[in-house]
Full PDB file with SEQRES, HELIX, SHEET, SSBOND, CRYST1, ORIGX, SCALE, CONECT and MASTER records, all heavy atoms in Angstrom:
SEQRES   1 A   39  HIS GLU CYS THR LEU SER LYS GLU GLN LYS GLY ASP ILE          
SEQRES   2 A   39  LEU ARG SER PRO TYR SER SER PRO ILE ARG LYS LEU SER          
SEQRES   3 A   39  PHE TRP TYR GLN SER PHE ARG THR VAL ASN LYS SER GLU          
HELIX    1 AA1 LYS A    7  LYS A   10  1                                   4    
HELIX    2 AA2 PRO A   21  ARG A   33  1                                  13    
CRYST1    1.000    1.000    1.000  90.00  90.00  90.00 P 1           1          
ORIGX1      1.000000  0.000000  0.000000        0.00000                         
ORIGX2      0.000000  1.000000  0.000000        0.00000                         
ORIGX3      0.000000  0.000000  1.000000        0.00000                         
SCALE1      1.000000  0.000000  0.000000        0.00000                         
SCALE2      0.000000  1.000000  0.000000        0.00000                         
SCALE3      0.000000  0.000000  1.000000        0.00000                         
ATOM      1  N   HIS A   1     -11.337  17.006   8.585  1.00  0.00           N  
ATOM      2  CA  HIS A   1     -11.796  15.651   8.273  1.00  0.00           C  
ATOM      3  C   HIS A   1     -11.569  14.751   9.477  1.00  0.00           C  
ATOM      4  O   HIS A   1     -10.444  14.637   9.985  1.00  0.00           O  
ATOM      5  CB  HIS A   1     -11.029  15.086   7.068  1.00  0.00           C  
ATOM      6  CG  HIS A   1     -11.304  13.627   6.824  1.00  0.00           C  
ATOM      7  ND1 HIS A   1     -12.528  13.168   6.413  1.00  0.00           N  
ATOM      8  CD2 HIS A   1     -10.494  12.541   6.943  1.00  0.00           C  
ATOM      9  CE1 HIS A   1     -12.478  11.857   6.282  1.00  0.00           C  
ATOM     10  NE2 HIS A   1     -11.252  11.449   6.611  1.00  0.00           N  
ATOM     11  N   GLU A   2     -12.626  14.156   9.947  1.00  0.00           N  
ATOM     12  CA  GLU A   2     -12.551  13.205  11.048  1.00  0.00           C  
ATOM     13  C   GLU A   2     -12.438  11.804  10.457  1.00  0.00           C  
ATOM     14  O   GLU A   2     -13.373  11.322   9.805  1.00  0.00           O  
ATOM     15  CB  GLU A   2     -13.803  13.312  11.929  1.00  0.00           C  
ATOM     16  CG  GLU A   2     -13.962  14.642  12.647  1.00  0.00           C  
ATOM     17  CD  GLU A   2     -12.917  14.810  13.745  1.00  0.00           C  
ATOM     18  OE1 GLU A   2     -12.312  13.797  14.155  1.00  0.00           O  
ATOM     19  OE2 GLU A   2     -12.714  15.952  14.189  1.00  0.00           O  
ATOM     20  N   CYS A   3     -11.291  11.180  10.646  1.00  0.00           N  
ATOM     21  CA  CYS A   3     -11.060   9.845  10.082  1.00  0.00           C  
ATOM     22  C   CYS A   3     -11.814   8.801  10.895  1.00  0.00           C  
ATOM     23  O   CYS A   3     -11.670   8.719  12.117  1.00  0.00           O  
ATOM     24  CB  CYS A   3      -9.568   9.522  10.063  1.00  0.00           C  
ATOM     25  SG  CYS A   3      -9.198   7.958   9.250  1.00  0.00           S  
ATOM     26  N   THR A   4     -12.629   8.024  10.211  1.00  0.00           N  
ATOM     27  CA  THR A   4     -13.405   6.970  10.873  1.00  0.00           C  
ATOM     28  C   THR A   4     -12.818   5.581  10.649  1.00  0.00           C  
ATOM     29  O   THR A   4     -13.414   4.593  11.056  1.00  0.00           O  
ATOM     30  CB  THR A   4     -14.851   6.982  10.340  1.00  0.00           C  
ATOM     31  OG1 THR A   4     -14.825   6.795   8.929  1.00  0.00           O  
ATOM     32  CG2 THR A   4     -15.543   8.302  10.681  1.00  0.00           C  
ATOM     33  N   LEU A   5     -11.683   5.521   9.969  1.00  0.00           N  
ATOM     34  CA  LEU A   5     -11.056   4.224   9.714  1.00  0.00           C  
ATOM     35  C   LEU A   5     -10.356   3.717  10.957  1.00  0.00           C  
ATOM     36  O   LEU A   5      -9.907   4.497  11.809  1.00  0.00           O  
ATOM     37  CB  LEU A   5     -10.061   4.335   8.568  1.00  0.00           C  
ATOM     38  CG  LEU A   5     -10.629   4.697   7.198  1.00  0.00           C  
ATOM     39  CD1 LEU A   5      -9.488   4.843   6.204  1.00  0.00           C  
ATOM     40  CD2 LEU A   5     -11.627   3.674   6.721  1.00  0.00           C  
ATOM     41  N   SER A   6     -10.262   2.416  11.065  1.00  0.00           N  
ATOM     42  CA  SER A   6      -9.528   1.829  12.181  1.00  0.00           C  
ATOM     43  C   SER A   6      -8.030   1.979  11.961  1.00  0.00           C  
ATOM     44  O   SER A   6      -7.568   2.334  10.881  1.00  0.00           O  
ATOM     45  CB  SER A   6      -9.894   0.348  12.322  1.00  0.00           C  
ATOM     46  OG  SER A   6      -9.536  -0.360  11.150  1.00  0.00           O  
ATOM     47  N   LYS A   7      -7.276   1.716  12.990  1.00  0.00           N  
ATOM     48  CA  LYS A   7      -5.818   1.858  12.883  1.00  0.00           C  
ATOM     49  C   LYS A   7      -5.230   0.876  11.882  1.00  0.00           C  
ATOM     50  O   LYS A   7      -4.218   1.153  11.258  1.00  0.00           O  
ATOM     51  CB  LYS A   7      -5.185   1.654  14.259  1.00  0.00           C  
ATOM     52  CG  LYS A   7      -5.528   2.760  15.249  1.00  0.00           C  
ATOM     53  CD  LYS A   7      -4.807   2.534  16.561  1.00  0.00           C  
ATOM     54  CE  LYS A   7      -5.115   3.656  17.544  1.00  0.00           C  
ATOM     55  NZ  LYS A   7      -4.400   3.465  18.841  1.00  0.00           N  
ATOM     56  N   GLU A   8      -5.852  -0.305  11.741  1.00  0.00           N  
ATOM     57  CA  GLU A   8      -5.333  -1.282  10.800  1.00  0.00           C  
ATOM     58  C   GLU A   8      -5.535  -0.832   9.358  1.00  0.00           C  
ATOM     59  O   GLU A   8      -4.750  -1.151   8.484  1.00  0.00           O  
ATOM     60  CB  GLU A   8      -6.019  -2.633  11.024  1.00  0.00           C  
ATOM     61  CG  GLU A   8      -5.666  -3.274  12.371  1.00  0.00           C  
ATOM     62  CD  GLU A   8      -6.317  -4.627  12.521  1.00  0.00           C  
ATOM     63  OE1 GLU A   8      -7.118  -4.972  11.614  1.00  0.00           O  
ATOM     64  OE2 GLU A   8      -6.059  -5.317  13.508  1.00  0.00           O  
ATOM     65  N   GLN A   9      -6.601  -0.037   9.116  1.00  0.00           N  
ATOM     66  CA  GLN A   9      -6.897   0.382   7.751  1.00  0.00           C  
ATOM     67  C   GLN A   9      -6.171   1.655   7.354  1.00  0.00           C  
ATOM     68  O   GLN A   9      -6.183   2.024   6.192  1.00  0.00           O  
ATOM     69  CB  GLN A   9      -8.405   0.591   7.591  1.00  0.00           C  
ATOM     70  CG  GLN A   9      -9.196  -0.707   7.708  1.00  0.00           C  
ATOM     71  CD  GLN A   9     -10.685  -0.470   7.623  1.00  0.00           C  
ATOM     72  OE1 GLN A   9     -11.150   0.640   7.856  1.00  0.00           O  
ATOM     73  NE2 GLN A   9     -11.428  -1.505   7.301  1.00  0.00           N  
ATOM     74  N   LYS A  10      -5.561   2.351   8.311  1.00  0.00           N  
ATOM     75  CA  LYS A  10      -4.863   3.589   7.968  1.00  0.00           C  
ATOM     76  C   LYS A  10      -3.632   3.318   7.119  1.00  0.00           C  
ATOM     77  O   LYS A  10      -3.236   4.146   6.315  1.00  0.00           O  
ATOM     78  CB  LYS A  10      -4.461   4.334   9.243  1.00  0.00           C  
ATOM     79  CG  LYS A  10      -5.638   4.997   9.933  1.00  0.00           C  
ATOM     80  CD  LYS A  10      -5.172   5.783  11.146  1.00  0.00           C  
ATOM     81  CE  LYS A  10      -6.355   6.449  11.838  1.00  0.00           C  
ATOM     82  NZ  LYS A  10      -5.923   7.210  13.031  1.00  0.00           N  
ATOM     83  N   GLY A  11      -3.016   2.200   7.311  1.00  0.00           N  
ATOM     84  CA  GLY A  11      -1.833   1.867   6.529  1.00  0.00           C  
ATOM     85  C   GLY A  11      -2.182   1.055   5.306  1.00  0.00           C  
ATOM     86  O   GLY A  11      -1.547   0.055   5.024  1.00  0.00           O  
ATOM     87  N   ASP A  12      -3.232   1.456   4.617  1.00  0.00           N  
ATOM     88  CA  ASP A  12      -3.702   0.677   3.482  1.00  0.00           C  
ATOM     89  C   ASP A  12      -2.644   0.659   2.379  1.00  0.00           C  
ATOM     90  O   ASP A  12      -1.690   1.446   2.389  1.00  0.00           O  
ATOM     91  CB  ASP A  12      -5.004   1.273   2.953  1.00  0.00           C  
ATOM     92  CG  ASP A  12      -5.839   0.214   2.234  1.00  0.00           C  
ATOM     93  OD1 ASP A  12      -5.283  -0.853   1.920  1.00  0.00           O  
ATOM     94  OD2 ASP A  12      -7.014   0.480   2.004  1.00  0.00           O  
ATOM     95  N   ILE A  13      -2.835  -0.237   1.421  1.00  0.00           N  
ATOM     96  CA  ILE A  13      -1.811  -0.501   0.409  1.00  0.00           C  
ATOM     97  C   ILE A  13      -2.119   0.258  -0.874  1.00  0.00           C  
ATOM     98  O   ILE A  13      -1.979  -0.264  -1.965  1.00  0.00           O  
ATOM     99  CB  ILE A  13      -1.733  -2.019   0.139  1.00  0.00           C  
ATOM    100  CG1 ILE A  13      -3.136  -2.574  -0.133  1.00  0.00           C  
ATOM    101  CG2 ILE A  13      -1.108  -2.745   1.296  1.00  0.00           C  
ATOM    102  CD1 ILE A  13      -3.148  -4.039  -0.480  1.00  0.00           C  
ATOM    103  N   LEU A  14      -2.553   1.513  -0.749  1.00  0.00           N  
ATOM    104  CA  LEU A  14      -2.844   2.315  -1.929  1.00  0.00           C  
ATOM    105  C   LEU A  14      -1.572   2.961  -2.433  1.00  0.00           C  
ATOM    106  O   LEU A  14      -0.824   3.568  -1.663  1.00  0.00           O  
ATOM    107  CB  LEU A  14      -3.889   3.390  -1.579  1.00  0.00           C  
ATOM    108  CG  LEU A  14      -5.252   2.843  -1.102  1.00  0.00           C  
ATOM    109  CD1 LEU A  14      -6.150   4.000  -0.710  1.00  0.00           C  
ATOM    110  CD2 LEU A  14      -5.906   2.009  -2.177  1.00  0.00           C  
ATOM    111  N   ARG A  15      -1.350   2.849  -3.730  1.00  0.00           N  
ATOM    112  CA  ARG A  15      -0.148   3.404  -4.327  1.00  0.00           C  
ATOM    113  C   ARG A  15      -0.466   4.759  -4.958  1.00  0.00           C  
ATOM    114  O   ARG A  15      -1.409   4.879  -5.743  1.00  0.00           O  
ATOM    115  CB  ARG A  15       0.405   2.444  -5.388  1.00  0.00           C  
ATOM    116  CG  ARG A  15       1.663   2.951  -6.055  1.00  0.00           C  
ATOM    117  CD  ARG A  15       2.232   1.902  -6.973  1.00  0.00           C  
ATOM    118  NE  ARG A  15       3.447   2.364  -7.614  1.00  0.00           N  
ATOM    119  CZ  ARG A  15       4.179   1.652  -8.446  1.00  0.00           C  
ATOM    120  NH1 ARG A  15       3.818   0.417  -8.720  1.00  0.00           N  
ATOM    121  NH2 ARG A  15       5.273   2.155  -8.986  1.00  0.00           N  
ATOM    122  N   SER A  16       0.302   5.758  -4.629  1.00  0.00           N  
ATOM    123  CA  SER A  16       0.082   7.102  -5.146  1.00  0.00           C  
ATOM    124  C   SER A  16       1.195   7.474  -6.112  1.00  0.00           C  
ATOM    125  O   SER A  16       2.369   7.151  -5.880  1.00  0.00           O  
ATOM    126  CB  SER A  16       0.047   8.118  -3.988  1.00  0.00           C  
ATOM    127  OG  SER A  16      -0.009   9.435  -4.493  1.00  0.00           O  
ATOM    128  N   PRO A  17       0.877   8.175  -7.220  1.00  0.00           N  
ATOM    129  CA  PRO A  17       1.936   8.598  -8.150  1.00  0.00           C  
ATOM    130  C   PRO A  17       2.852   9.660  -7.571  1.00  0.00           C  
ATOM    131  O   PRO A  17       3.910   9.929  -8.120  1.00  0.00           O  
ATOM    132  CB  PRO A  17       1.145   9.121  -9.359  1.00  0.00           C  
ATOM    133  CG  PRO A  17      -0.184   9.495  -8.811  1.00  0.00           C  
ATOM    134  CD  PRO A  17      -0.468   8.537  -7.690  1.00  0.00           C  
ATOM    135  N   TYR A  18       2.430  10.278  -6.458  1.00  0.00           N  
ATOM    136  CA  TYR A  18       3.239  11.327  -5.830  1.00  0.00           C  
ATOM    137  C   TYR A  18       4.109  10.792  -4.700  1.00  0.00           C  
ATOM    138  O   TYR A  18       4.709  11.567  -3.959  1.00  0.00           O  
ATOM    139  CB  TYR A  18       2.319  12.422  -5.285  1.00  0.00           C  
ATOM    140  CG  TYR A  18       1.424  13.022  -6.344  1.00  0.00           C  
ATOM    141  CD1 TYR A  18       0.082  12.648  -6.431  1.00  0.00           C  
ATOM    142  CD2 TYR A  18       1.920  13.942  -7.259  1.00  0.00           C  
ATOM    143  CE1 TYR A  18      -0.743  13.176  -7.414  1.00  0.00           C  
ATOM    144  CE2 TYR A  18       1.101  14.481  -8.240  1.00  0.00           C  
ATOM    145  CZ  TYR A  18      -0.229  14.100  -8.314  1.00  0.00           C  
ATOM    146  OH  TYR A  18      -1.038  14.634  -9.285  1.00  0.00           O  
ATOM    147  N   SER A  19       4.171   9.474  -4.549  1.00  0.00           N  
ATOM    148  CA  SER A  19       4.988   8.886  -3.492  1.00  0.00           C  
ATOM    149  C   SER A  19       6.461   9.023  -3.827  1.00  0.00           C  
ATOM    150  O   SER A  19       6.857   9.157  -4.997  1.00  0.00           O  
ATOM    151  CB  SER A  19       4.622   7.421  -3.294  1.00  0.00           C  
ATOM    152  OG  SER A  19       3.256   7.288  -2.967  1.00  0.00           O  
ATOM    153  N   SER A  20       7.290   8.945  -2.804  1.00  0.00           N  
ATOM    154  CA  SER A  20       8.738   9.013  -2.986  1.00  0.00           C  
ATOM    155  C   SER A  20       9.247   7.721  -3.602  1.00  0.00           C  
ATOM    156  O   SER A  20       8.563   6.688  -3.563  1.00  0.00           O  
ATOM    157  CB  SER A  20       9.413   9.249  -1.644  1.00  0.00           C  
ATOM    158  OG  SER A  20       9.143   8.181  -0.759  1.00  0.00           O  
ATOM    159  N   PRO A  21      10.447   7.748  -4.204  1.00  0.00           N  
ATOM    160  CA  PRO A  21      10.980   6.510  -4.801  1.00  0.00           C  
ATOM    161  C   PRO A  21      11.108   5.365  -3.804  1.00  0.00           C  
ATOM    162  O   PRO A  21      10.875   4.202  -4.157  1.00  0.00           O  
ATOM    163  CB  PRO A  21      12.343   6.942  -5.348  1.00  0.00           C  
ATOM    164  CG  PRO A  21      12.208   8.403  -5.592  1.00  0.00           C  
ATOM    165  CD  PRO A  21      11.299   8.911  -4.511  1.00  0.00           C  
ATOM    166  N   ILE A  22      11.467   5.689  -2.568  1.00  0.00           N  
ATOM    167  CA  ILE A  22      11.590   4.627  -1.556  1.00  0.00           C  
ATOM    168  C   ILE A  22      10.222   4.030  -1.258  1.00  0.00           C  
ATOM    169  O   ILE A  22      10.074   2.812  -1.104  1.00  0.00           O  
ATOM    170  CB  ILE A  22      12.238   5.196  -0.276  1.00  0.00           C  
ATOM    171  CG1 ILE A  22      13.650   5.689  -0.589  1.00  0.00           C  
ATOM    172  CG2 ILE A  22      12.263   4.138   0.815  1.00  0.00           C  
ATOM    173  CD1 ILE A  22      14.354   6.302   0.597  1.00  0.00           C  
ATOM    174  N   ARG A  23       9.203   4.905  -1.208  1.00  0.00           N  
ATOM    175  CA  ARG A  23       7.852   4.419  -0.963  1.00  0.00           C  
ATOM    176  C   ARG A  23       7.353   3.570  -2.126  1.00  0.00           C  
ATOM    177  O   ARG A  23       6.687   2.542  -1.932  1.00  0.00           O  
ATOM    178  CB  ARG A  23       6.927   5.619  -0.752  1.00  0.00           C  
ATOM    179  CG  ARG A  23       5.519   5.265  -0.310  1.00  0.00           C  
ATOM    180  CD  ARG A  23       5.507   4.653   1.065  1.00  0.00           C  
ATOM    181  NE  ARG A  23       4.148   4.439   1.536  1.00  0.00           N  
ATOM    182  CZ  ARG A  23       3.845   3.712   2.603  1.00  0.00           C  
ATOM    183  NH1 ARG A  23       4.824   3.130   3.299  1.00  0.00           N  
ATOM    184  NH2 ARG A  23       2.592   3.566   2.974  1.00  0.00           N  
ATOM    185  N   LYS A  24       7.664   3.963  -3.350  1.00  0.00           N  
ATOM    186  CA  LYS A  24       7.273   3.165  -4.505  1.00  0.00           C  
ATOM    187  C   LYS A  24       7.966   1.806  -4.504  1.00  0.00           C  
ATOM    188  O   LYS A  24       7.361   0.785  -4.857  1.00  0.00           O  
ATOM    189  CB  LYS A  24       7.603   3.920  -5.785  1.00  0.00           C  
ATOM    190  CG  LYS A  24       6.736   5.146  -6.029  1.00  0.00           C  
ATOM    191  CD  LYS A  24       7.120   5.823  -7.340  1.00  0.00           C  
ATOM    192  CE  LYS A  24       6.261   7.053  -7.594  1.00  0.00           C  
ATOM    193  NZ  LYS A  24       6.626   7.734  -8.861  1.00  0.00           N  
ATOM    194  N   LEU A  25       9.254   1.799  -4.107  1.00  0.00           N  
ATOM    195  CA  LEU A  25       9.967   0.532  -4.003  1.00  0.00           C  
ATOM    196  C   LEU A  25       9.346  -0.362  -2.938  1.00  0.00           C  
ATOM    197  O   LEU A  25       9.247  -1.579  -3.103  1.00  0.00           O  
ATOM    198  CB  LEU A  25      11.444   0.787  -3.698  1.00  0.00           C  
ATOM    199  CG  LEU A  25      12.359  -0.436  -3.632  1.00  0.00           C  
ATOM    200  CD1 LEU A  25      12.396  -1.151  -4.983  1.00  0.00           C  
ATOM    201  CD2 LEU A  25      13.770  -0.039  -3.222  1.00  0.00           C  
ATOM    202  N   SER A  26       8.899   0.264  -1.847  1.00  0.00           N  
ATOM    203  CA  SER A  26       8.232  -0.506  -0.793  1.00  0.00           C  
ATOM    204  C   SER A  26       6.914  -1.083  -1.293  1.00  0.00           C  
ATOM    205  O   SER A  26       6.586  -2.236  -0.995  1.00  0.00           O  
ATOM    206  CB  SER A  26       7.985   0.391   0.422  1.00  0.00           C  
ATOM    207  OG  SER A  26       7.254  -0.293   1.412  1.00  0.00           O  
ATOM    208  N   PHE A  27       6.155  -0.297  -2.061  1.00  0.00           N  
ATOM    209  CA  PHE A  27       4.911  -0.795  -2.635  1.00  0.00           C  
ATOM    210  C   PHE A  27       5.178  -1.972  -3.574  1.00  0.00           C  
ATOM    211  O   PHE A  27       4.428  -2.955  -3.588  1.00  0.00           O  
ATOM    212  CB  PHE A  27       4.204   0.318  -3.394  1.00  0.00           C  
ATOM    213  CG  PHE A  27       3.521   1.316  -2.502  1.00  0.00           C  
ATOM    214  CD1 PHE A  27       3.558   2.669  -2.801  1.00  0.00           C  
ATOM    215  CD2 PHE A  27       2.861   0.914  -1.363  1.00  0.00           C  
ATOM    216  CE1 PHE A  27       2.937   3.589  -1.975  1.00  0.00           C  
ATOM    217  CE2 PHE A  27       2.233   1.823  -0.537  1.00  0.00           C  
ATOM    218  CZ  PHE A  27       2.282   3.165  -0.840  1.00  0.00           C  
ATOM    219  N   TRP A  28       6.236  -1.869  -4.372  1.00  0.00           N  
ATOM    220  CA  TRP A  28       6.572  -2.961  -5.293  1.00  0.00           C  
ATOM    221  C   TRP A  28       6.923  -4.224  -4.532  1.00  0.00           C  
ATOM    222  O   TRP A  28       6.507  -5.325  -4.908  1.00  0.00           O  
ATOM    223  CB  TRP A  28       7.747  -2.527  -6.176  1.00  0.00           C  
ATOM    224  CG  TRP A  28       8.230  -3.624  -7.079  1.00  0.00           C  
ATOM    225  CD1 TRP A  28       7.710  -4.009  -8.268  1.00  0.00           C  
ATOM    226  CD2 TRP A  28       9.341  -4.506  -6.823  1.00  0.00           C  
ATOM    227  NE1 TRP A  28       8.422  -5.069  -8.787  1.00  0.00           N  
ATOM    228  CE2 TRP A  28       9.430  -5.397  -7.925  1.00  0.00           C  
ATOM    229  CE3 TRP A  28      10.265  -4.617  -5.794  1.00  0.00           C  
ATOM    230  CZ2 TRP A  28      10.398  -6.373  -8.003  1.00  0.00           C  
ATOM    231  CZ3 TRP A  28      11.228  -5.602  -5.864  1.00  0.00           C  
ATOM    232  CH2 TRP A  28      11.291  -6.468  -6.963  1.00  0.00           C  
ATOM    233  N   TYR A  29       7.689  -4.102  -3.451  1.00  0.00           N  
ATOM    234  CA  TYR A  29       8.063  -5.273  -2.659  1.00  0.00           C  
ATOM    235  C   TYR A  29       6.829  -5.882  -1.984  1.00  0.00           C  
ATOM    236  O   TYR A  29       6.698  -7.118  -1.923  1.00  0.00           O  
ATOM    237  CB  TYR A  29       9.099  -4.884  -1.617  1.00  0.00           C  
ATOM    238  CG  TYR A  29       9.410  -5.993  -0.635  1.00  0.00           C  
ATOM    239  CD1 TYR A  29      10.121  -7.125  -1.032  1.00  0.00           C  
ATOM    240  CD2 TYR A  29       8.960  -5.921   0.686  1.00  0.00           C  
ATOM    241  CE1 TYR A  29      10.384  -8.154  -0.148  1.00  0.00           C  
ATOM    242  CE2 TYR A  29       9.226  -6.938   1.576  1.00  0.00           C  
ATOM    243  CZ  TYR A  29       9.938  -8.056   1.154  1.00  0.00           C  
ATOM    244  OH  TYR A  29      10.189  -9.063   2.035  1.00  0.00           O  
ATOM    245  N   GLN A  30       5.927  -5.033  -1.492  1.00  0.00           N  
ATOM    246  CA  GLN A  30       4.723  -5.548  -0.847  1.00  0.00           C  
ATOM    247  C   GLN A  30       3.868  -6.328  -1.841  1.00  0.00           C  
ATOM    248  O   GLN A  30       3.330  -7.399  -1.522  1.00  0.00           O  
ATOM    249  CB  GLN A  30       3.906  -4.387  -0.258  1.00  0.00           C  
ATOM    250  CG  GLN A  30       4.607  -3.595   0.837  1.00  0.00           C  
ATOM    251  CD  GLN A  30       4.881  -4.425   2.073  1.00  0.00           C  
ATOM    252  OE1 GLN A  30       4.272  -5.475   2.288  1.00  0.00           O  
ATOM    253  NE2 GLN A  30       5.814  -3.977   2.890  1.00  0.00           N  
ATOM    254  N   SER A  31       3.714  -5.816  -3.055  1.00  0.00           N  
ATOM    255  CA  SER A  31       2.932  -6.527  -4.067  1.00  0.00           C  
ATOM    256  C   SER A  31       3.630  -7.801  -4.529  1.00  0.00           C  
ATOM    257  O   SER A  31       2.975  -8.738  -4.992  1.00  0.00           O  
ATOM    258  CB  SER A  31       2.681  -5.605  -5.266  1.00  0.00           C  
ATOM    259  OG  SER A  31       3.915  -5.262  -5.893  1.00  0.00           O  
ATOM    260  N   PHE A  32       4.946  -7.851  -4.397  1.00  0.00           N  
ATOM    261  CA  PHE A  32       5.717  -9.019  -4.831  1.00  0.00           C  
ATOM    262  C   PHE A  32       5.662 -10.142  -3.806  1.00  0.00           C  
ATOM    263  O   PHE A  32       5.806 -11.312  -4.159  1.00  0.00           O  
ATOM    264  CB  PHE A  32       7.161  -8.614  -5.091  1.00  0.00           C  
ATOM    265  CG  PHE A  32       7.890  -9.549  -6.014  1.00  0.00           C  
ATOM    266  CD1 PHE A  32       7.483  -9.722  -7.321  1.00  0.00           C  
ATOM    267  CD2 PHE A  32       8.995 -10.258  -5.572  1.00  0.00           C  
ATOM    268  CE1 PHE A  32       8.153 -10.593  -8.174  1.00  0.00           C  
ATOM    269  CE2 PHE A  32       9.671 -11.124  -6.407  1.00  0.00           C  
ATOM    270  CZ  PHE A  32       9.245 -11.287  -7.713  1.00  0.00           C  
ATOM    271  N   ARG A  33       5.455  -9.808  -2.520  1.00  0.00           N  
ATOM    272  CA  ARG A  33       5.479 -10.833  -1.469  1.00  0.00           C  
ATOM    273  C   ARG A  33       4.097 -11.230  -0.975  1.00  0.00           C  
ATOM    274  O   ARG A  33       3.971 -12.167  -0.196  1.00  0.00           O  
ATOM    275  CB  ARG A  33       6.301 -10.341  -0.276  1.00  0.00           C  
ATOM    276  CG  ARG A  33       5.591  -9.325   0.620  1.00  0.00           C  
ATOM    277  CD  ARG A  33       6.444  -8.928   1.798  1.00  0.00           C  
ATOM    278  NE  ARG A  33       5.753  -8.034   2.712  1.00  0.00           N  
ATOM    279  CZ  ARG A  33       5.041  -8.452   3.759  1.00  0.00           C  
ATOM    280  NH1 ARG A  33       4.923  -9.733   3.999  1.00  0.00           N  
ATOM    281  NH2 ARG A  33       4.445  -7.581   4.549  1.00  0.00           N  
ATOM    282  N   THR A  34       3.041 -10.539  -1.411  1.00  0.00           N  
ATOM    283  CA  THR A  34       1.701 -10.883  -0.976  1.00  0.00           C  
ATOM    284  C   THR A  34       1.011 -11.732  -2.028  1.00  0.00           C  
ATOM    285  O   THR A  34       1.582 -12.063  -3.073  1.00  0.00           O  
ATOM    286  CB  THR A  34       0.893  -9.609  -0.698  1.00  0.00           C  
ATOM    287  OG1 THR A  34      -0.335  -9.976  -0.067  1.00  0.00           O  
ATOM    288  CG2 THR A  34       0.609  -8.846  -1.968  1.00  0.00           C  
ATOM    289  N   VAL A  35      -0.243 -12.081  -1.767  1.00  0.00           N  
ATOM    290  CA  VAL A  35      -0.984 -12.974  -2.650  1.00  0.00           C  
ATOM    291  C   VAL A  35      -1.142 -12.323  -4.023  1.00  0.00           C  
ATOM    292  O   VAL A  35      -1.376 -11.123  -4.143  1.00  0.00           O  
ATOM    293  CB  VAL A  35      -2.357 -13.321  -2.035  1.00  0.00           C  
ATOM    294  CG1 VAL A  35      -3.191 -12.080  -1.810  1.00  0.00           C  
ATOM    295  CG2 VAL A  35      -3.099 -14.319  -2.897  1.00  0.00           C  
ATOM    296  N   ASN A  36      -0.989 -13.141  -5.046  1.00  0.00           N  
ATOM    297  CA  ASN A  36      -1.073 -12.666  -6.422  1.00  0.00           C  
ATOM    298  C   ASN A  36      -2.078 -13.518  -7.184  1.00  0.00           C  
ATOM    299  O   ASN A  36      -2.188 -14.730  -6.968  1.00  0.00           O  
ATOM    300  CB  ASN A  36       0.300 -12.744  -7.095  1.00  0.00           C  
ATOM    301  CG  ASN A  36       0.262 -12.230  -8.525  1.00  0.00           C  
ATOM    302  OD1 ASN A  36      -0.077 -11.073  -8.755  1.00  0.00           O  
ATOM    303  ND2 ASN A  36       0.602 -13.077  -9.469  1.00  0.00           N  
ATOM    304  N   LYS A  37      -2.809 -12.870  -8.088  1.00  0.00           N  
ATOM    305  CA  LYS A  37      -3.807 -13.592  -8.868  1.00  0.00           C  
ATOM    306  C   LYS A  37      -3.104 -14.420  -9.936  1.00  0.00           C  
ATOM    307  O   LYS A  37      -2.449 -13.890 -10.836  1.00  0.00           O  
ATOM    308  CB  LYS A  37      -4.790 -12.615  -9.517  1.00  0.00           C  
ATOM    309  CG  LYS A  37      -5.919 -13.306 -10.284  1.00  0.00           C  
ATOM    310  CD  LYS A  37      -6.837 -12.316 -10.954  1.00  0.00           C  
ATOM    311  CE  LYS A  37      -7.636 -11.542  -9.933  1.00  0.00           C  
ATOM    312  NZ  LYS A  37      -8.642 -10.668 -10.578  1.00  0.00           N  
ATOM    313  N   SER A  38      -3.219 -15.725  -9.840  1.00  0.00           N  
ATOM    314  CA  SER A  38      -2.598 -16.646 -10.783  1.00  0.00           C  
ATOM    315  C   SER A  38      -3.483 -17.873 -10.916  1.00  0.00           C  
ATOM    316  O   SER A  38      -4.495 -18.027 -10.212  1.00  0.00           O  
ATOM    317  CB  SER A  38      -1.190 -17.043 -10.327  1.00  0.00           C  
ATOM    318  OG  SER A  38      -1.235 -17.698  -9.079  1.00  0.00           O  
ATOM    319  N   GLU A  39      -3.097 -18.760 -11.813  1.00  0.00           N  
ATOM    320  CA  GLU A  39      -3.868 -19.990 -12.012  1.00  0.00           C  
ATOM    321  C   GLU A  39      -3.850 -20.869 -10.776  1.00  0.00           C  
ATOM    322  O   GLU A  39      -4.767 -21.664 -10.544  1.00  0.00           O  
ATOM    323  CB  GLU A  39      -3.306 -20.753 -13.213  1.00  0.00           C  
ATOM    324  CG  GLU A  39      -4.127 -21.968 -13.616  1.00  0.00           C  
ATOM    325  CD  GLU A  39      -3.552 -22.681 -14.808  1.00  0.00           C  
ATOM    326  OE1 GLU A  39      -2.589 -22.152 -15.412  1.00  0.00           O  
ATOM    327  OE2 GLU A  39      -4.056 -23.762 -15.144  1.00  0.00           O  
TER     328      GLU A  39                                                      
MASTER        0    0    0    2    0    0    0    6  327    1    0    3          
END                                                                             
């Protein structure tokens, strides 16, 4: 597979169920500190 994504898009914020607990904690913190849909 030849990846055509840019370097900025390689570290996308997709959460996988097979991630390690530390990675899941990192995903939770990222979602907690970034923009959130609210009123």
